[in-house]
PDB file of N, CA and C in Angstrom:
ATOM      1  N   MET A   1     102.736  65.391  86.815  1.00  0.00           N
ATOM      2  CA  MET A   1     101.970  66.848  86.936  1.00  0.00           C
ATOM      3  C   MET A   1     102.853  66.666  88.986  1.00  0.00           C
ATOM      4  N   ASN A   2     102.861  68.187  89.283  1.00  0.00           N
ATOM      5  CA  ASN A   2     102.872  68.364  90.438  1.00  0.00           C
ATOM      6  C   ASN A   2     102.461  69.424  91.048  1.00  0.00           C
ATOM      7  N   LEU A   3     102.285  69.599  91.950  1.00  0.00           N
ATOM      8  CA  LEU A   3     101.405  71.102  93.052  1.00  0.00           C
ATOM      9  C   LEU A   3     101.889  72.009  92.291  1.00  0.00           C
ATOM     10  N   LYS A   4     103.740  71.978  92.306  1.00  0.00           N
ATOM     11  CA  LYS A   4     104.475  73.297  92.402  1.00  0.00           C
ATOM     12  C   LYS A   4     103.400  73.669  90.753  1.00  0.00           C
ATOM     13  N   ASN A   5     103.292  72.665  89.844  1.00  0.00           N
ATOM     14  CA  ASN A   5     103.531  73.375  88.563  1.00  0.00           C
ATOM     15  C   ASN A   5     101.538  73.528  88.491  1.00  0.00           C
ATOM     16  N   ILE A   6     100.627  73.330  89.629  1.00  0.00           N
ATOM     17  CA  ILE A   6      99.320  73.637  89.097  1.00  0.00           C
ATOM     18  C   ILE A   6      99.616  74.916  89.344  1.00  0.00           C
ATOM     19  N   PHE A   7     100.198  75.269  90.570  1.00  0.00           N
ATOM     20  CA  PHE A   7     100.383  77.007  90.973  1.00  0.00           C
ATOM     21  C   PHE A   7     100.360  77.750  89.847  1.00  0.00           C
ATOM     22  N   LYS A   8     101.610  77.158  88.984  1.00  0.00           N
ATOM     23  CA  LYS A   8     102.288  78.182  87.929  1.00  0.00           C
ATOM     24  C   LYS A   8     101.126  78.215  87.126  1.00  0.00           C
ATOM     25  N   ILE A   9     100.451  77.101  86.606  1.00  0.00           N
ATOM     26  CA  ILE A   9      99.327  76.913  85.545  1.00  0.00           C
ATOM     27  C   ILE A   9      98.325  77.773  86.191  1.00  0.00           C
ATOM     28  N   GLY A  10      97.702  77.908  87.091  1.00  0.00           N
ATOM     29  CA  GLY A  10      97.092  78.999  87.359  1.00  0.00           C
ATOM     30  C   GLY A  10      97.463  80.014  87.571  1.00  0.00           C
ATOM     31  N   ALA A  11      98.477  80.526  88.167  1.00  0.00           N
ATOM     32  CA  ALA A  11      99.295  81.662  88.116  1.00  0.00           C
ATOM     33  C   ALA A  11      99.422  82.516  86.431  1.00  0.00           C
ATOM     34  N   VAL A  12      99.183  81.848  85.537  1.00  0.00           N
ATOM     35  CA  VAL A  12      99.420  81.714  84.473  1.00  0.00           C
ATOM     36  C   VAL A  12      97.857  82.247  83.302  1.00  0.00           C
ATOM     37  N   ILE A  13      96.810  81.466  84.240  1.00  0.00           N
ATOM     38  CA  ILE A  13      95.788  81.566  83.682  1.00  0.00           C
ATOM     39  C   ILE A  13      95.047  82.506  84.070  1.00  0.00           C
ATOM     40  N   MET A  14      95.189  83.394  85.583  1.00  0.00           N
ATOM     41  CA  MET A  14      95.136  84.577  86.409  1.00  0.00           C
ATOM     42  C   MET A  14      95.658  85.258  85.669  1.00  0.00           C
ATOM     43  N   THR A  15      96.753  85.864  84.750  1.00  0.00           N
ATOM     44  CA  THR A  15      97.548  86.610  84.572  1.00  0.00           C
ATOM     45  C   THR A  15      96.357  86.812  82.829  1.00  0.00           C
ATOM     46  N   ILE A  16      95.876  85.905  82.488  1.00  0.00           N
ATOM     47  CA  ILE A  16      95.786  85.843  80.950  1.00  0.00           C
ATOM     48  C   ILE A  16      94.297  86.707  80.812  1.00  0.00           C
ATOM     49  N   ASN A  17      93.730  86.304  82.050  1.00  0.00           N
ATOM     50  CA  ASN A  17      92.668  86.819  82.961  1.00  0.00           C
ATOM     51  C   ASN A  17      92.749  88.472  82.892  1.00  0.00           C
ATOM     52  N   GLY A  18      93.353  88.564  83.942  1.00  0.00           N
ATOM     53  CA  GLY A  18      93.512  89.830  84.354  1.00  0.00           C
ATOM     54  C   GLY A  18      94.115  90.618  83.196  1.00  0.00           C
ATOM     55  N   LEU A  19      95.055  90.534  82.229  1.00  0.00           N
ATOM     56  CA  LEU A  19      95.240  91.547  81.446  1.00  0.00           C
ATOM     57  C   LEU A  19      94.430  91.222  80.372  1.00  0.00           C
ATOM     58  N   SER A  20      93.167  90.687  79.872  1.00  0.00           N
ATOM     59  CA  SER A  20      92.506  90.649  79.204  1.00  0.00           C
ATOM     60  C   SER A  20      91.243  91.521  80.042  1.00  0.00           C
ATOM     61  N   LEU A  21      90.954  91.662  81.361  1.00  0.00           N
ATOM     62  CA  LEU A  21      90.172  92.258  81.653  1.00  0.00           C
ATOM     63  C   LEU A  21      90.660  94.045  81.664  1.00  0.00           C
ATOM     64  N   ILE A  22      92.334  94.156  81.811  1.00  0.00           N
ATOM     65  CA  ILE A  22      92.809  95.483  82.592  1.00  0.00           C
ATOM     66  C   ILE A  22      92.748  95.856  80.601  1.00  0.00           C
ATOM     67  N   PHE A  23      92.806  95.300  79.346  1.00  0.00           N
ATOM     68  CA  PHE A  23      93.099  95.701  78.019  1.00  0.00           C
ATOM     69  C   PHE A  23      92.152  95.663  77.195  1.00  0.00           C
ATOM     70  N   SER A  24      91.424  94.917  77.448  1.00  0.00           N
ATOM     71  CA  SER A  24      89.931  94.355  76.522  1.00  0.00           C
ATOM     72  C   SER A  24      89.084  94.186  77.265  1.00  0.00           C
ATOM     73  N   THR A  25      88.921  95.375  78.464  1.00  0.00           N
ATOM     74  CA  THR A  25      87.526  94.565  79.151  1.00  0.00           C
ATOM     75  C   THR A  25      86.547  94.789  78.103  1.00  0.00           C
ATOM     76  N   ALA A  26      85.543  95.493  77.484  1.00  0.00           N
ATOM     77  CA  ALA A  26      84.703  95.695  76.182  1.00  0.00           C
ATOM     78  C   ALA A  26      84.544  93.945  76.023  1.00  0.00           C
ATOM     79  N   MET A  27      85.589  93.709  75.605  1.00  0.00           N
ATOM     80  CA  MET A  27      85.720  92.484  74.622  1.00  0.00           C
ATOM     81  C   MET A  27      85.562  91.126  75.634  1.00  0.00           C
ATOM     82  N   PHE A  28      85.806  91.308  76.527  1.00  0.00           N
ATOM     83  CA  PHE A  28      85.949  90.299  77.448  1.00  0.00           C
ATOM     84  C   PHE A  28      84.426  90.178  78.052  1.00  0.00           C
ATOM     85  N   MET A  29      83.810  91.395  78.816  1.00  0.00           N
ATOM     86  CA  MET A  29      82.658  91.228  79.255  1.00  0.00           C
ATOM     87  C   MET A  29      81.754  91.206  78.123  1.00  0.00           C
ATOM     88  N   GLU A  30      81.813  91.387  77.229  1.00  0.00           N
ATOM     89  CA  GLU A  30      80.486  91.249  76.134  1.00  0.00           C
ATOM     90  C   GLU A  30      80.640  89.836  75.515  1.00  0.00           C
ATOM     91  N   MET A  31      81.951  89.188  75.547  1.00  0.00           N
ATOM     92  CA  MET A  31      81.887  87.455  75.753  1.00  0.00           C
ATOM     93  C   MET A  31      81.512  86.863  76.456  1.00  0.00           C
ATOM     94  N   ALA A  32      80.903  87.808  77.396  1.00  0.00           N
ATOM     95  CA  ALA A  32      80.313  86.599  78.958  1.00  0.00           C
ATOM     96  C   ALA A  32      78.212  87.424  78.431  1.00  0.00           C
ATOM     97  N   ASN A  33      78.463  88.201  77.669  1.00  0.00           N
ATOM     98  CA  ASN A  33      77.330  88.736  77.179  1.00  0.00           C
ATOM     99  C   ASN A  33      76.924  89.916  78.291  1.00  0.00           C
ATOM    100  N   MET A  34      77.529  90.481  78.717  1.00  0.00           N
ATOM    101  CA  MET A  34      77.144  91.518  79.394  1.00  0.00           C
ATOM    102  C   MET A  34      77.016  92.650  78.833  1.00  0.00           C
ATOM    103  N   GLU A  35      76.646  93.568  79.077  1.00  0.00           N
ATOM    104  CA  GLU A  35      76.353  94.994  77.993  1.00  0.00           C
ATOM    105  C   GLU A  35      77.655  95.670  78.872  1.00  0.00           C
ATOM    106  N   MET A  36      78.094  96.315  78.209  1.00  0.00           N
ATOM    107  CA  MET A  36      79.573  97.219  78.545  1.00  0.00           C
ATOM    108  C   MET A  36      78.843  98.801  78.866  1.00  0.00           C
ATOM    109  N   SER A  37      78.781  99.020  79.939  1.00  0.00           N
ATOM    110  CA  SER A  37      78.906 100.670  80.245  1.00  0.00           C
ATOM    111  C   SER A  37      80.000 100.938  81.576  1.00  0.00           C
ATOM    112  N   PRO A  38      80.166 102.423  81.717  1.00  0.00           N
ATOM    113  CA  PRO A  38      81.640 102.718  82.123  1.00  0.00           C
ATOM    114  C   PRO A  38      81.638 102.245  83.703  1.00  0.00           C
ATOM    115  N   SER A  39      80.876 102.079  84.238  1.00  0.00           N
ATOM    116  CA  SER A  39      80.868 101.354  85.576  1.00  0.00           C
ATOM    117  C   SER A  39      81.296 100.108  85.241  1.00  0.00           C
ATOM    118  N   LEU A  40      80.838  99.265  84.673  1.00  0.00           N
ATOM    119  CA  LEU A  40      81.476  97.909  84.278  1.00  0.00           C
ATOM    120  C   LEU A  40      83.094  97.790  83.800  1.00  0.00           C
ATOM    121  N   LEU A  41      82.949  98.694  82.857  1.00  0.00           N
ATOM    122  CA  LEU A  41      84.920  99.107  82.771  1.00  0.00           C
ATOM    123  C   LEU A  41      85.363  99.323  84.031  1.00  0.00           C
ATOM    124  N   THR A  42      85.254  99.953  84.568  1.00  0.00           N
ATOM    125  CA  THR A  42      85.638 100.201  85.852  1.00  0.00           C
ATOM    126  C   THR A  42      85.766  98.831  87.009  1.00  0.00           C
ATOM    127  N   ILE A  43      84.848  98.377  87.190  1.00  0.00           N
ATOM    128  CA  ILE A  43      84.866  96.711  87.974  1.00  0.00           C
ATOM    129  C   ILE A  43      85.495  96.091  87.283  1.00  0.00           C
ATOM    130  N   GLY A  44      85.374  96.602  85.563  1.00  0.00           N
ATOM    131  CA  GLY A  44      86.131  95.326  84.986  1.00  0.00           C
ATOM    132  C   GLY A  44      87.879  95.123  85.126  1.00  0.00           C
ATOM    133  N   GLN A  45      88.552  96.523  84.941  1.00  0.00           N
ATOM    134  CA  GLN A  45      89.633  97.380  85.351  1.00  0.00           C
ATOM    135  C   GLN A  45      90.260  96.565  86.616  1.00  0.00           C
ATOM    136  N   PHE A  46      89.378  97.047  87.385  1.00  0.00           N
ATOM    137  CA  PHE A  46      89.486  96.675  89.051  1.00  0.00           C
ATOM    138  C   PHE A  46      90.138  95.165  89.031  1.00  0.00           C
ATOM    139  N   MET A  47      88.807  94.257  88.690  1.00  0.00           N
ATOM    140  CA  MET A  47      89.175  93.232  88.720  1.00  0.00           C
ATOM    141  C   MET A  47      90.345  92.502  88.174  1.00  0.00           C
ATOM    142  N   GLY A  48      90.883  93.174  86.828  1.00  0.00           N
ATOM    143  CA  GLY A  48      92.287  92.505  86.179  1.00  0.00           C
ATOM    144  C   GLY A  48      92.997  93.074  86.901  1.00  0.00           C
ATOM    145  N   VAL A  49      93.247  93.935  87.801  1.00  0.00           N
ATOM    146  CA  VAL A  49      94.705  93.976  88.536  1.00  0.00           C
ATOM    147  C   VAL A  49      94.693  93.556  89.996  1.00  0.00           C
ATOM    148  N   THR A  50      93.063  92.816  90.292  1.00  0.00           N
ATOM    149  CA  THR A  50      93.179  91.422  91.053  1.00  0.00           C
ATOM    150  C   THR A  50      93.259  90.436  90.613  1.00  0.00           C
ATOM    151  N   PHE A  51      93.058  90.610  89.624  1.00  0.00           N
ATOM    152  CA  PHE A  51      93.421  89.040  88.849  1.00  0.00           C
ATOM    153  C   PHE A  51      95.019  88.744  88.958  1.00  0.00           C
ATOM    154  N   LEU A  52      95.622  90.060  88.437  1.00  0.00           N
ATOM    155  CA  LEU A  52      97.416  90.183  88.565  1.00  0.00           C
ATOM    156  C   LEU A  52      98.006  90.094  90.041  1.00  0.00           C
ATOM    157  N   ALA A  53      96.850  90.248  90.496  1.00  0.00           N
ATOM    158  CA  ALA A  53      97.888  90.697  92.116  1.00  0.00           C
ATOM    159  C   ALA A  53      97.868  88.815  92.582  1.00  0.00           C
ATOM    160  N   MET A  54      96.581  88.291  92.111  1.00  0.00           N
ATOM    161  CA  MET A  54      96.168  86.718  92.842  1.00  0.00           C
ATOM    162  C   MET A  54      97.254  85.592  92.093  1.00  0.00           C
ATOM    163  N   ALA A  55      97.426  86.088  90.666  1.00  0.00           N
ATOM    164  CA  ALA A  55      98.287  85.015  89.712  1.00  0.00           C
ATOM    165  C   ALA A  55      99.877  85.668  90.435  1.00  0.00           C
ATOM    166  N   LEU A  56     100.260  86.711  90.825  1.00  0.00           N
ATOM    167  CA  LEU A  56     101.574  87.083  91.327  1.00  0.00           C
ATOM    168  C   LEU A  56     101.634  85.922  92.858  1.00  0.00           C
ATOM    169  N   ILE A  57     100.860  85.931  93.138  1.00  0.00           N
ATOM    170  CA  ILE A  57     100.821  85.369  94.809  1.00  0.00           C
ATOM    171  C   ILE A  57     100.701  83.995  94.280  1.00  0.00           C
ATOM    172  N   ALA A  58     100.058  83.602  93.097  1.00  0.00           N
ATOM    173  CA  ALA A  58      99.819  82.010  93.241  1.00  0.00           C
ATOM    174  C   ALA A  58     101.214  81.478  92.512  1.00  0.00           C
ATOM    175  N   TRP A  59     102.192  82.388  91.784  1.00  0.00           N
ATOM    176  CA  TRP A  59     103.595  81.821  91.055  1.00  0.00           C
ATOM    177  C   TRP A  59     104.581  82.009  92.484  1.00  0.00           C
ATOM    178  N   LYS A  60     104.173  83.319  93.071  1.00  0.00           N
ATOM    179  CA  LYS A  60     105.374  83.008  94.043  1.00  0.00           C
ATOM    180  C   LYS A  60     105.260  81.905  95.330  1.00  0.00           C
ATOM    181  N   THR A  61     103.445  81.397  95.536  1.00  0.00           N
ATOM    182  CA  THR A  61     103.506  80.407  96.530  1.00  0.00           C
ATOM    183  C   THR A  61     104.185  79.216  96.209  1.00  0.00           C
ATOM    184  N   ALA A  62     104.106  78.785  95.120  1.00  0.00           N
ATOM    185  CA  ALA A  62     105.136  77.509  94.779  1.00  0.00           C
ATOM    186  C   ALA A  62     106.505  77.287  94.909  1.00  0.00           C
ATOM    187  N   ASP A  63     106.911  78.558  95.016  1.00  0.00           N
ATOM    188  CA  ASP A  63     108.427  78.812  95.236  1.00  0.00           C
ATOM    189  C   ASP A  63     109.212  78.918  97.328  1.00  0.00           C
ATOM    190  N   LEU A  64     107.955  79.953  97.613  1.00  0.00           N
ATOM    191  CA  LEU A  64     107.999  79.931  99.226  1.00  0.00           C
ATOM    192  C   LEU A  64     107.386  78.963 100.044  1.00  0.00           C
ATOM    193  N   ALA A  65     106.523  78.485  99.820  1.00  0.00           N
ATOM    194  CA  ALA A  65     105.809  77.589 100.795  1.00  0.00           C
ATOM    195  C   ALA A  65     106.854  76.388 101.238  1.00  0.00           C
ATOM    196  N   ASN A  66     107.145  75.830 100.579  1.00  0.00           N
ATOM    197  CA  ASN A  66     108.381  74.724 100.838  1.00  0.00           C
ATOM    198  C   ASN A  66     107.263  73.511 101.191  1.00  0.00           C
ATOM    199  N   HIS A  67     107.440  73.082 102.977  1.00  0.00           N
ATOM    200  CA  HIS A  67     106.729  72.145 103.277  1.00  0.00           C
ATOM    201  C   HIS A  67     105.364  72.241 103.697  1.00  0.00           C
ATOM    202  N   ALA A  68     104.512  73.913 103.399  1.00  0.00           N
ATOM    203  CA  ALA A  68     103.551  73.793 103.168  1.00  0.00           C
ATOM    204  C   ALA A  68     102.644  74.163 102.128  1.00  0.00           C
ATOM    205  N   LEU A  69     102.912  73.494 101.208  1.00  0.00           N
ATOM    206  CA  LEU A  69     102.813  74.114  99.839  1.00  0.00           C
ATOM    207  C   LEU A  69     101.680  72.965  99.652  1.00  0.00           C
ATOM    208  N   PRO A  70     101.342  71.540 100.228  1.00  0.00           N
ATOM    209  CA  PRO A  70      99.801  71.324 100.216  1.00  0.00           C
ATOM    210  C   PRO A  70      98.828  72.214 101.039  1.00  0.00           C
ATOM    211  N   ALA A  71      98.857  72.810 101.748  1.00  0.00           N
ATOM    212  CA  ALA A  71      98.091  73.636 102.711  1.00  0.00           C
ATOM    213  C   ALA A  71      97.733  74.666 102.021  1.00  0.00           C
ATOM    214  N   PHE A  72      98.630  75.342 101.327  1.00  0.00           N
ATOM    215  CA  PHE A  72      97.683  76.381 100.747  1.00  0.00           C
ATOM    216  C   PHE A  72      97.174  75.537  99.331  1.00  0.00           C
ATOM    217  N   GLY A  73      97.607  74.475  98.703  1.00  0.00           N
ATOM    218  CA  GLY A  73      96.811  74.090  97.546  1.00  0.00           C
ATOM    219  C   GLY A  73      95.386  73.730  98.013  1.00  0.00           C
ATOM    220  N   GLN A  74      95.379  73.603  99.673  1.00  0.00           N
ATOM    221  CA  GLN A  74      94.503  73.117  99.578  1.00  0.00           C
ATOM    222  C   GLN A  74      93.419  74.295  99.433  1.00  0.00           C
ATOM    223  N   VAL A  75      93.787  75.692 100.176  1.00  0.00           N
ATOM    224  CA  VAL A  75      93.430  76.984 100.265  1.00  0.00           C
ATOM    225  C   VAL A  75      92.694  77.149  98.867  1.00  0.00           C
ATOM    226  N   TYR A  76      93.801  76.930  97.827  1.00  0.00           N
ATOM    227  CA  TYR A  76      93.445  77.196  96.432  1.00  0.00           C
ATOM    228  C   TYR A  76      92.287  76.614  95.977  1.00  0.00           C
ATOM    229  N   ALA A  77      91.792  75.289  96.272  1.00  0.00           N
ATOM    230  CA  ALA A  77      90.848  74.367  95.853  1.00  0.00           C
ATOM    231  C   ALA A  77      89.658  74.746  96.640  1.00  0.00           C
ATOM    232  N   ILE A  78      90.043  75.916  97.853  1.00  0.00           N
ATOM    233  CA  ILE A  78      88.166  76.177  98.055  1.00  0.00           C
ATOM    234  C   ILE A  78      88.306  77.751  97.522  1.00  0.00           C
ATOM    235  N   ALA A  79      89.264  78.210  97.488  1.00  0.00           N
ATOM    236  CA  ALA A  79      88.916  79.031  96.411  1.00  0.00           C
ATOM    237  C   ALA A  79      88.643  78.847  94.804  1.00  0.00           C
ATOM    238  N   GLN A  80      88.727  78.325  94.313  1.00  0.00           N
ATOM    239  CA  GLN A  80      88.793  77.636  92.698  1.00  0.00           C
ATOM    240  C   GLN A  80      87.037  77.290  93.063  1.00  0.00           C
ATOM    241  N   ALA A  81      86.665  76.423  94.075  1.00  0.00           N
ATOM    242  CA  ALA A  81      85.168  76.104  94.172  1.00  0.00           C
ATOM    243  C   ALA A  81      84.519  77.420  94.613  1.00  0.00           C
ATOM    244  N   MET A  82      84.595  78.407  95.609  1.00  0.00           N
ATOM    245  CA  MET A  82      84.059  79.425  95.482  1.00  0.00           C
ATOM    246  C   MET A  82      83.935  79.869  93.958  1.00  0.00           C
ATOM    247  N   TRP A  83      85.083  80.539  92.951  1.00  0.00           N
ATOM    248  CA  TRP A  83      84.578  80.951  91.977  1.00  0.00           C
ATOM    249  C   TRP A  83      83.965  79.810  90.955  1.00  0.00           C
ATOM    250  N   VAL A  84      83.889  78.888  91.187  1.00  0.00           N
ATOM    251  CA  VAL A  84      83.293  77.866  90.509  1.00  0.00           C
ATOM    252  C   VAL A  84      81.428  77.967  90.904  1.00  0.00           C
ATOM    253  N   ALA A  85      81.332  78.298  91.893  1.00  0.00           N
ATOM    254  CA  ALA A  85      80.281  78.419  92.831  1.00  0.00           C
ATOM    255  C   ALA A  85      79.802  79.775  92.171  1.00  0.00           C
ATOM    256  N   ILE A  86      80.128  81.152  92.034  1.00  0.00           N
ATOM    257  CA  ILE A  86      79.824  82.063  91.381  1.00  0.00           C
ATOM    258  C   ILE A  86      79.520  82.621  90.232  1.00  0.00           C
ATOM    259  N   ILE A  87      80.618  81.135  89.182  1.00  0.00           N
ATOM    260  CA  ILE A  87      80.295  81.706  87.891  1.00  0.00           C
ATOM    261  C   ILE A  87      79.150  80.542  87.572  1.00  0.00           C
ATOM    262  N   GLY A  88      78.694  79.726  88.323  1.00  0.00           N
ATOM    263  CA  GLY A  88      78.058  78.519  87.969  1.00  0.00           C
ATOM    264  C   GLY A  88      76.330  79.570  88.449  1.00  0.00           C
ATOM    265  N   TYR A  89      76.984  79.924  89.286  1.00  0.00           N
ATOM    266  CA  TYR A  89      75.413  80.604  89.739  1.00  0.00           C
ATOM    267  C   TYR A  89      75.138  81.812  88.652  1.00  0.00           C
ATOM    268  N   HIS A  90      75.577  82.748  88.281  1.00  0.00           N
ATOM    269  CA  HIS A  90      75.402  83.493  87.286  1.00  0.00           C
ATOM    270  C   HIS A  90      75.314  83.114  86.090  1.00  0.00           C
ATOM    271  N   VAL A  91      76.068  81.892  85.793  1.00  0.00           N
ATOM    272  CA  VAL A  91      75.149  81.183  84.369  1.00  0.00           C
ATOM    273  C   VAL A  91      74.110  80.840  84.609  1.00  0.00           C
ATOM    274  N   ALA A  92      73.899  79.865  85.591  1.00  0.00           N
ATOM    275  CA  ALA A  92      72.491  79.783  86.370  1.00  0.00           C
ATOM    276  C   ALA A  92      71.364  80.247  85.667  1.00  0.00           C
ATOM    277  N   ILE A  93      71.338  81.653  86.335  1.00  0.00           N
ATOM    278  CA  ILE A  93      70.597  82.858  86.575  1.00  0.00           C
ATOM    279  C   ILE A  93      70.503  83.742  85.000  1.00  0.00           C
ATOM    280  N   GLY A  94      71.798  83.176  84.272  1.00  0.00           N
ATOM    281  CA  GLY A  94      71.400  83.964  83.231  1.00  0.00           C
ATOM    282  C   GLY A  94      72.484  85.555  82.754  1.00  0.00           C
ATOM    283  N   ALA A  95      73.068  85.888  84.050  1.00  0.00           N
ATOM    284  CA  ALA A  95      73.419  87.290  84.104  1.00  0.00           C
ATOM    285  C   ALA A  95      75.083  86.870  83.447  1.00  0.00           C
ATOM    286  N   ALA A  96      75.365  85.772  82.964  1.00  0.00           N
ATOM    287  CA  ALA A  96      76.597  85.602  82.287  1.00  0.00           C
ATOM    288  C   ALA A  96      76.660  84.473  81.493  1.00  0.00           C
ATOM    289  N   SER A  97      77.038  84.298  80.339  1.00  0.00           N
ATOM    290  CA  SER A  97      77.195  83.533  79.408  1.00  0.00           C
ATOM    291  C   SER A  97      78.511  83.354  78.561  1.00  0.00           C
ATOM    292  N   GLY A  98      78.551  82.876  77.144  1.00  0.00           N
ATOM    293  CA  GLY A  98      79.057  82.779  76.460  1.00  0.00           C
ATOM    294  C   GLY A  98      80.564  82.256  76.391  1.00  0.00           C
ATOM    295  N   PRO A  99      81.220  82.190  75.531  1.00  0.00           N
ATOM    296  CA  PRO A  99      82.770  82.256  75.714  1.00  0.00           C
ATOM    297  C   PRO A  99      83.335  81.716  77.114  1.00  0.00           C
ATOM    298  N   THR A 100      83.265  83.195  77.460  1.00  0.00           N
ATOM    299  CA  THR A 100      84.538  83.935  78.561  1.00  0.00           C
ATOM    300  C   THR A 100      83.481  83.066  80.074  1.00  0.00           C
ATOM    301  N   ALA A 101      82.751  83.375  80.248  1.00  0.00           N
ATOM    302  CA  ALA A 101      81.713  82.486  81.453  1.00  0.00           C
ATOM    303  C   ALA A 101      81.993  80.751  81.065  1.00  0.00           C
ATOM    304  N   TYR A 102      81.757  80.144  80.124  1.00  0.00           N
ATOM    305  CA  TYR A 102      82.170  79.090  80.324  1.00  0.00           C
ATOM    306  C   TYR A 102      83.521  78.420  80.378  1.00  0.00           C
ATOM    307  N   ALA A 103      84.357  79.331  79.529  1.00  0.00           N
ATOM    308  CA  ALA A 103      85.796  78.522  79.735  1.00  0.00           C
ATOM    309  C   ALA A 103      86.235  78.739  81.132  1.00  0.00           C
ATOM    310  N   ASN A 104      86.156  79.738  81.512  1.00  0.00           N
ATOM    311  CA  ASN A 104      86.252  79.872  83.099  1.00  0.00           C
ATOM    312  C   ASN A 104      85.780  79.581  83.692  1.00  0.00           C
ATOM    313  N   LEU A 105      84.330  78.927  83.801  1.00  0.00           N
ATOM    314  CA  LEU A 105      84.470  77.912  84.496  1.00  0.00           C
ATOM    315  C   LEU A 105      84.253  76.586  84.504  1.00  0.00           C
ATOM    316  N   GLY A 106      84.765  75.886  83.440  1.00  0.00           N
ATOM    317  CA  GLY A 106      85.827  75.106  83.031  1.00  0.00           C
ATOM    318  C   GLY A 106      87.225  75.145  83.542  1.00  0.00           C
ATOM    319  N   VAL A 107      87.789  75.694  83.217  1.00  0.00           N
ATOM    320  CA  VAL A 107      89.189  75.910  83.564  1.00  0.00           C
ATOM    321  C   VAL A 107      89.323  75.921  85.263  1.00  0.00           C
ATOM    322  N   THR A 108      88.409  76.597  86.225  1.00  0.00           N
ATOM    323  CA  THR A 108      88.132  76.864  87.072  1.00  0.00           C
ATOM    324  C   THR A 108      88.034  75.861  87.370  1.00  0.00           C
ATOM    325  N   ALA A 109      86.900  74.739  87.140  1.00  0.00           N
ATOM    326  CA  ALA A 109      86.657  73.637  87.888  1.00  0.00           C
ATOM    327  C   ALA A 109      87.555  72.862  87.960  1.00  0.00           C
ATOM    328  N   VAL A 110      88.375  72.363  86.552  1.00  0.00           N
ATOM    329  CA  VAL A 110      89.289  71.786  86.322  1.00  0.00           C
ATOM    330  C   VAL A 110      90.760  71.703  87.805  1.00  0.00           C
ATOM    331  N   LEU A 111      91.323  73.609  87.845  1.00  0.00           N
ATOM    332  CA  LEU A 111      91.837  73.276  88.741  1.00  0.00           C
ATOM    333  C   LEU A 111      92.061  73.211  89.967  1.00  0.00           C
ATOM    334  N   GLY A 112      90.461  73.465  90.443  1.00  0.00           N
ATOM    335  CA  GLY A 112      89.864  73.763  91.729  1.00  0.00           C
ATOM    336  C   GLY A 112      90.403  71.853  91.786  1.00  0.00           C
ATOM    337  N   VAL A 113      89.922  70.974  91.233  1.00  0.00           N
ATOM    338  CA  VAL A 113      89.958  69.778  91.375  1.00  0.00           C
ATOM    339  C   VAL A 113      91.471  69.122  91.715  1.00  0.00           C
ATOM    340  N   LEU A 114      92.613  69.393  90.611  1.00  0.00           N
ATOM    341  CA  LEU A 114      94.101  69.475  90.768  1.00  0.00           C
ATOM    342  C   LEU A 114      94.620  69.963  92.168  1.00  0.00           C
ATOM    343  N   PHE A 115      93.872  70.984  92.419  1.00  0.00           N
ATOM    344  CA  PHE A 115      94.630  71.704  93.519  1.00  0.00           C
ATOM    345  C   PHE A 115      93.829  70.779  94.710  1.00  0.00           C
ATOM    346  N   PHE A 116      92.910  70.015  94.822  1.00  0.00           N
ATOM    347  CA  PHE A 116      92.374  69.494  95.899  1.00  0.00           C
ATOM    348  C   PHE A 116      93.176  67.997  95.762  1.00  0.00           C
ATOM    349  N   VAL A 117      92.979  67.314  94.652  1.00  0.00           N
ATOM    350  CA  VAL A 117      94.237  66.071  94.704  1.00  0.00           C
ATOM    351  C   VAL A 117      95.211  66.351  94.871  1.00  0.00           C
ATOM    352  N   TYR A 118      96.056  66.868  94.084  1.00  0.00           N
ATOM    353  CA  TYR A 118      97.572  67.080  94.613  1.00  0.00           C
ATOM    354  C   TYR A 118      98.040  67.683  95.791  1.00  0.00           C
ATOM    355  N   SER A 119      96.983  68.564  96.335  1.00  0.00           N
ATOM    356  CA  SER A 119      97.323  68.511  97.991  1.00  0.00           C
ATOM    357  C   SER A 119      96.961  67.581  98.878  1.00  0.00           C
ATOM    358  N   LYS A 120      96.493  66.484  98.297  1.00  0.00           N
ATOM    359  CA  LYS A 120      96.402  65.276  99.451  1.00  0.00           C
ATOM    360  C   LYS A 120      97.676  64.526  99.211  1.00  0.00           C
ATOM    361  N   LYS A 121      98.640  64.584  98.631  1.00  0.00           N
ATOM    362  CA  LYS A 121      99.497  63.776  98.455  1.00  0.00           C
ATOM    363  C   LYS A 121     100.853  63.608  99.489  1.00  0.00           C
TER     364      LYS A 121
END
């Protein structure tokens, strides 16, 4: 495995989350034990588009960064750590739970570690 592949894997995961949030917002949110409302639908779909934008950036970063790829990997490691912190906080206070929250927490933590480790080489 190399850093370029980790960016691609991260992009695929963000794409899955983004498409799920756009087209299956209620299911995605209810799997995180959140009560669906029109406001949550709106914010969920907005988050979905944001995830798709981030997926595109991650996918292209791997091709465009060249020698700066490790520096971008470090930035992505920090971003993943921020997501782990907020998802972990939401799980800890009971604001989110269920398969969506736990899967995203685990996957995000693993990606963060991979970005960190492989950006050091």
